[in-house]
Amino acid sequence: MAGDERPPAFDDFDARLAKLRRPETAPERAGDREARPRWGDGLQVGIELVAGLAGGLLLGWALDSWLGTAPVLLVVGFVLGAAAGMLNAWRWMRRLEARMRDGGPGRGGA
């Protein structure tokens, strides 16, 4: 009967999953061995800068509108957003530098 069948045990699933996760069974891509900057890395740095700046400006503008202050908070938001964007870009570049130094195929983000 159909009701007497039991689903496979989780041990079987765990064994199959572990087999698939082994690095020697994972197919290698051609560019993974090379530890060099890619277009995406440069794009990510630019996105970090722009996102930090836009976030700071947007937050400063919203607080200025809500509190009725002049462009004071907009300027503060600009400065803080620019600083946050540069800090994020610097962190990304440090990870990229570590990846290049180690020669590993790992992505810069972690």
N, C-alpha and C. Protein backbone atom coordinates (compact mmCIF):
# COMPACT_ATOMS: atom_id res chain seq x y z
N MET A 1 0.81 -1.18 0.00
CA MET A 1 0.00 0.00 0.00
C MET A 1 0.86 1.26 0.00
N ALA A 2 0.26 2.33 -0.45
CA ALA A 2 0.98 3.59 -0.51
C ALA A 2 1.23 4.14 0.88
N GLY A 3 0.38 3.86 1.85
CA GLY A 3 0.54 4.39 3.20
C GLY A 3 1.64 3.70 3.98
N ASP A 4 2.08 2.51 3.53
CA ASP A 4 3.12 1.78 4.25
C ASP A 4 4.52 2.22 3.87
N GLU A 5 4.66 3.00 2.78
CA GLU A 5 5.99 3.44 2.35
C GLU A 5 6.48 4.54 3.26
N ARG A 6 7.75 4.47 3.62
CA ARG A 6 8.35 5.49 4.47
C ARG A 6 9.28 6.35 3.62
N PRO A 7 9.35 7.62 3.92
CA PRO A 7 10.28 8.48 3.17
C PRO A 7 11.72 8.09 3.50
N PRO A 8 12.64 8.40 2.60
CA PRO A 8 14.04 8.07 2.86
C PRO A 8 14.54 8.77 4.12
N ALA A 9 15.48 8.17 4.77
CA ALA A 9 16.02 8.72 6.01
C ALA A 9 16.83 9.98 5.72
N PHE A 10 16.96 10.81 6.74
CA PHE A 10 17.73 12.04 6.58
C PHE A 10 19.22 11.73 6.44
N ASP A 11 19.66 10.60 6.94
CA ASP A 11 21.07 10.23 6.80
C ASP A 11 21.44 10.07 5.33
N ASP A 12 20.54 9.50 4.56
CA ASP A 12 20.78 9.35 3.14
C ASP A 12 20.89 10.71 2.46
N PHE A 13 19.99 11.60 2.81
CA PHE A 13 20.01 12.96 2.26
C PHE A 13 21.30 13.68 2.65
N ASP A 14 21.70 13.56 3.92
CA ASP A 14 22.93 14.21 4.38
C ASP A 14 24.15 13.67 3.65
N ALA A 15 24.18 12.37 3.40
CA ALA A 15 25.32 11.78 2.69
C ALA A 15 25.38 12.29 1.25
N ARG A 16 24.24 12.37 0.58
CA ARG A 16 24.22 12.87 -0.80
C ARG A 16 24.60 14.35 -0.85
N LEU A 17 24.13 15.12 0.13
CA LEU A 17 24.45 16.55 0.17
C LEU A 17 25.94 16.76 0.44
N ALA A 18 26.52 16.00 1.35
CA ALA A 18 27.95 16.11 1.63
C ALA A 18 28.77 15.75 0.40
N LYS A 19 28.32 14.75 -0.37
CA LYS A 19 29.03 14.36 -1.58
C LYS A 19 29.01 15.48 -2.61
N LEU A 20 27.90 16.18 -2.71
CA LEU A 20 27.81 17.28 -3.67
C LEU A 20 28.60 18.50 -3.23
N ARG A 21 28.78 18.68 -1.94
CA ARG A 21 29.49 19.85 -1.44
C ARG A 21 31.01 19.70 -1.45
N ARG A 22 31.52 18.52 -1.69
CA ARG A 22 32.97 18.32 -1.71
C ARG A 22 33.59 19.15 -2.81
N PRO A 23 34.70 19.85 -2.51
CA PRO A 23 35.30 20.72 -3.54
C PRO A 23 35.83 19.95 -4.74
N GLU A 24 36.26 18.69 -4.56
CA GLU A 24 36.81 17.98 -5.70
C GLU A 24 35.74 17.57 -6.71
N THR A 25 34.48 17.58 -6.30
CA THR A 25 33.42 17.23 -7.23
C THR A 25 32.80 18.46 -7.88
N ALA A 26 33.12 19.64 -7.36
CA ALA A 26 32.56 20.86 -7.92
C ALA A 26 33.28 21.20 -9.22
N PRO A 27 32.55 21.53 -10.27
CA PRO A 27 33.22 21.89 -11.53
C PRO A 27 33.93 23.22 -11.38
N GLU A 28 35.13 23.30 -11.93
CA GLU A 28 35.89 24.53 -11.86
C GLU A 28 35.59 25.40 -13.07
N ARG A 29 35.48 26.68 -12.80
CA ARG A 29 35.31 27.62 -13.89
C ARG A 29 36.68 28.10 -14.34
N ALA A 30 36.78 28.55 -15.55
CA ALA A 30 38.07 28.91 -16.13
C ALA A 30 38.72 30.08 -15.39
N GLY A 31 37.95 31.08 -14.97
CA GLY A 31 38.53 32.27 -14.35
C GLY A 31 38.72 32.17 -12.86
N ASP A 32 38.33 31.07 -12.23
CA ASP A 32 38.43 30.97 -10.78
C ASP A 32 39.87 30.87 -10.29
N ARG A 33 40.74 30.33 -11.07
CA ARG A 33 42.13 30.17 -10.64
C ARG A 33 42.89 31.49 -10.63
N GLU A 34 42.47 32.43 -11.41
CA GLU A 34 43.18 33.69 -11.51
C GLU A 34 42.69 34.64 -10.43
N ALA A 35 43.64 35.15 -9.65
CA ALA A 35 43.30 36.11 -8.60
C ALA A 35 43.63 37.51 -9.11
N ARG A 36 42.72 38.06 -9.87
CA ARG A 36 42.93 39.40 -10.41
C ARG A 36 41.62 40.16 -10.31
N PRO A 37 41.70 41.48 -10.29
CA PRO A 37 40.45 42.26 -10.23
C PRO A 37 39.62 42.04 -11.48
N ARG A 38 38.32 42.09 -11.29
CA ARG A 38 37.39 41.93 -12.40
C ARG A 38 36.55 43.20 -12.52
N TRP A 39 35.80 43.27 -13.59
CA TRP A 39 34.93 44.43 -13.80
C TRP A 39 33.97 44.60 -12.65
N GLY A 40 33.47 43.49 -12.12
CA GLY A 40 32.51 43.56 -11.03
C GLY A 40 33.09 44.17 -9.78
N ASP A 41 34.39 43.97 -9.56
CA ASP A 41 35.02 44.54 -8.37
C ASP A 41 35.06 46.07 -8.46
N GLY A 42 35.44 46.58 -9.62
CA GLY A 42 35.45 48.03 -9.79
C GLY A 42 34.06 48.62 -9.72
N LEU A 43 33.10 47.92 -10.29
CA LEU A 43 31.72 48.36 -10.24
C LEU A 43 31.21 48.39 -8.80
N GLN A 44 31.60 47.38 -8.01
CA GLN A 44 31.17 47.32 -6.62
C GLN A 44 31.71 48.50 -5.82
N VAL A 45 32.95 48.90 -6.06
CA VAL A 45 33.53 50.04 -5.37
C VAL A 45 32.74 51.30 -5.70
N GLY A 46 32.42 51.49 -6.96
CA GLY A 46 31.62 52.66 -7.36
C GLY A 46 30.23 52.65 -6.75
N ILE A 47 29.63 51.48 -6.70
CA ILE A 47 28.30 51.37 -6.11
C ILE A 47 28.34 51.69 -4.62
N GLU A 48 29.38 51.22 -3.94
CA GLU A 48 29.52 51.52 -2.51
C GLU A 48 29.61 53.02 -2.28
N LEU A 49 30.39 53.70 -3.09
CA LEU A 49 30.53 55.15 -2.94
C LEU A 49 29.22 55.88 -3.19
N VAL A 50 28.58 55.55 -4.29
CA VAL A 50 27.34 56.24 -4.66
C VAL A 50 26.22 55.92 -3.68
N ALA A 51 26.12 54.67 -3.23
CA ALA A 51 25.06 54.28 -2.31
C ALA A 51 25.22 54.98 -0.96
N GLY A 52 26.43 55.06 -0.47
CA GLY A 52 26.65 55.76 0.80
C GLY A 52 26.29 57.23 0.70
N LEU A 53 26.72 57.85 -0.38
CA LEU A 53 26.43 59.26 -0.58
C LEU A 53 24.93 59.50 -0.76
N ALA A 54 24.28 58.70 -1.57
CA ALA A 54 22.84 58.86 -1.80
C ALA A 54 22.04 58.59 -0.52
N GLY A 55 22.46 57.58 0.24
CA GLY A 55 21.77 57.28 1.50
C GLY A 55 21.89 58.42 2.49
N GLY A 56 23.08 58.99 2.62
CA GLY A 56 23.27 60.12 3.52
C GLY A 56 22.49 61.35 3.09
N LEU A 57 22.49 61.63 1.79
CA LEU A 57 21.72 62.78 1.29
C LEU A 57 20.22 62.59 1.49
N LEU A 58 19.74 61.40 1.20
CA LEU A 58 18.31 61.13 1.35
C LEU A 58 17.88 61.23 2.81
N LEU A 59 18.68 60.66 3.69
CA LEU A 59 18.35 60.73 5.11
C LEU A 59 18.41 62.16 5.63
N GLY A 60 19.43 62.91 5.21
CA GLY A 60 19.53 64.32 5.63
C GLY A 60 18.37 65.15 5.10
N TRP A 61 17.99 64.93 3.85
CA TRP A 61 16.87 65.67 3.28
C TRP A 61 15.56 65.34 4.00
N ALA A 62 15.36 64.05 4.31
CA ALA A 62 14.13 63.64 5.00
C ALA A 62 14.07 64.23 6.41
N LEU A 63 15.17 64.22 7.10
CA LEU A 63 15.18 64.79 8.45
C LEU A 63 14.99 66.30 8.40
N ASP A 64 15.59 66.96 7.40
CA ASP A 64 15.37 68.40 7.24
C ASP A 64 13.90 68.71 6.98
N SER A 65 13.27 67.93 6.14
CA SER A 65 11.85 68.16 5.85
C SER A 65 10.99 67.92 7.07
N TRP A 66 11.31 66.89 7.82
CA TRP A 66 10.50 66.51 8.98
C TRP A 66 10.69 67.50 10.13
N LEU A 67 11.91 67.91 10.38
CA LEU A 67 12.19 68.80 11.51
C LEU A 67 12.10 70.27 11.15
N GLY A 68 12.03 70.58 9.87
CA GLY A 68 11.91 71.97 9.45
C GLY A 68 13.20 72.75 9.56
N THR A 69 14.31 72.08 9.64
CA THR A 69 15.59 72.77 9.69
C THR A 69 16.02 73.11 8.27
N ALA A 70 16.94 74.04 8.19
CA ALA A 70 17.45 74.45 6.89
C ALA A 70 18.29 73.31 6.31
N PRO A 71 19.14 73.56 5.38
CA PRO A 71 19.91 72.44 4.80
C PRO A 71 21.01 71.92 5.72
N VAL A 72 20.88 72.15 7.02
CA VAL A 72 21.91 71.73 7.96
C VAL A 72 22.06 70.21 7.96
N LEU A 73 20.97 69.52 8.13
CA LEU A 73 21.04 68.06 8.19
C LEU A 73 21.34 67.45 6.82
N LEU A 74 21.00 68.16 5.77
CA LEU A 74 21.35 67.69 4.43
C LEU A 74 22.87 67.69 4.26
N VAL A 75 23.52 68.75 4.73
CA VAL A 75 24.97 68.84 4.65
C VAL A 75 25.62 67.79 5.55
N VAL A 76 25.07 67.61 6.75
CA VAL A 76 25.59 66.58 7.66
C VAL A 76 25.41 65.20 7.04
N GLY A 77 24.26 64.94 6.44
CA GLY A 77 24.02 63.67 5.78
C GLY A 77 24.96 63.45 4.61
N PHE A 78 25.25 64.52 3.88
CA PHE A 78 26.20 64.41 2.77
C PHE A 78 27.58 64.00 3.26
N VAL A 79 28.04 64.66 4.33
CA VAL A 79 29.37 64.37 4.86
C VAL A 79 29.42 62.94 5.42
N LEU A 80 28.41 62.58 6.20
CA LEU A 80 28.40 61.23 6.78
C LEU A 80 28.22 60.16 5.71
N GLY A 81 27.39 60.41 4.71
CA GLY A 81 27.21 59.46 3.63
C GLY A 81 28.47 59.29 2.80
N ALA A 82 29.17 60.39 2.54
CA ALA A 82 30.42 60.30 1.80
C ALA A 82 31.46 59.50 2.60
N ALA A 83 31.51 59.76 3.90
CA ALA A 83 32.46 59.01 4.74
C ALA A 83 32.11 57.53 4.78
N ALA A 84 30.82 57.22 4.90
CA ALA A 84 30.40 55.82 4.93
C ALA A 84 30.68 55.13 3.60
N GLY A 85 30.43 55.82 2.49
CA GLY A 85 30.71 55.25 1.18
C GLY A 85 32.19 54.98 0.97
N MET A 86 33.03 55.92 1.41
CA MET A 86 34.47 55.71 1.27
C MET A 86 34.95 54.58 2.16
N LEU A 87 34.39 54.47 3.36
CA LEU A 87 34.77 53.39 4.26
C LEU A 87 34.38 52.04 3.68
N ASN A 88 33.18 51.93 3.13
CA ASN A 88 32.75 50.68 2.51
C ASN A 88 33.60 50.34 1.29
N ALA A 89 33.93 51.32 0.48
CA ALA A 89 34.78 51.08 -0.69
C ALA A 89 36.17 50.65 -0.25
N TRP A 90 36.69 51.26 0.79
CA TRP A 90 38.02 50.89 1.31
C TRP A 90 38.01 49.45 1.82
N ARG A 91 36.95 49.07 2.53
CA ARG A 91 36.84 47.69 3.02
C ARG A 91 36.80 46.70 1.86
N TRP A 92 36.05 47.04 0.81
CA TRP A 92 35.97 46.15 -0.35
C TRP A 92 37.34 46.02 -1.01
N MET A 93 38.06 47.12 -1.12
CA MET A 93 39.39 47.07 -1.73
C MET A 93 40.37 46.27 -0.88
N ARG A 94 40.24 46.32 0.44
CA ARG A 94 41.10 45.51 1.31
C ARG A 94 40.84 44.02 1.09
N ARG A 95 39.56 43.65 0.96
CA ARG A 95 39.23 42.25 0.69
C ARG A 95 39.76 41.82 -0.67
N LEU A 96 39.68 42.69 -1.65
CA LEU A 96 40.21 42.40 -2.98
C LEU A 96 41.72 42.23 -2.92
N GLU A 97 42.37 43.10 -2.16
CA GLU A 97 43.82 43.00 -2.00
C GLU A 97 44.21 41.67 -1.35
N ALA A 98 43.47 41.27 -0.32
CA ALA A 98 43.76 39.99 0.35
C ALA A 98 43.55 38.82 -0.59
N ARG A 99 42.50 38.89 -1.42
CA ARG A 99 42.25 37.83 -2.39
C ARG A 99 43.38 37.74 -3.40
N MET A 100 43.87 38.88 -3.85
CA MET A 100 44.95 38.88 -4.82
C MET A 100 46.26 38.40 -4.19
N ARG A 101 46.50 38.79 -2.96
CA ARG A 101 47.72 38.39 -2.27
C ARG A 101 47.75 36.89 -2.03
N ASP A 102 46.62 36.33 -1.59
CA ASP A 102 46.54 34.91 -1.30
C ASP A 102 46.42 34.07 -2.56
N GLY A 103 46.02 34.70 -3.64
CA GLY A 103 45.86 33.96 -4.89
C GLY A 103 44.66 33.05 -4.90
N GLY A 104 43.76 33.25 -3.95
CA GLY A 104 42.60 32.39 -3.84
C GLY A 104 41.50 32.77 -4.80
N PRO A 105 40.63 31.81 -5.09
CA PRO A 105 39.53 32.10 -6.01
C PRO A 105 38.34 32.71 -5.32
N GLY A 106 38.38 32.93 -4.00
CA GLY A 106 37.22 33.42 -3.27
C GLY A 106 36.80 34.79 -3.70
N ARG A 107 35.55 35.09 -3.54
CA ARG A 107 35.01 36.40 -3.90
C ARG A 107 35.48 37.42 -2.90
N GLY A 108 35.47 38.69 -3.29
CA GLY A 108 35.87 39.76 -2.40
C GLY A 108 34.90 40.01 -1.28
N GLY A 109 33.64 39.71 -1.43
CA GLY A 109 32.65 39.93 -0.38
C GLY A 109 32.56 38.75 0.54
N ALA A 110 32.58 39.05 1.88
CA ALA A 110 32.40 37.95 2.81
C ALA A 110 31.84 38.43 4.09
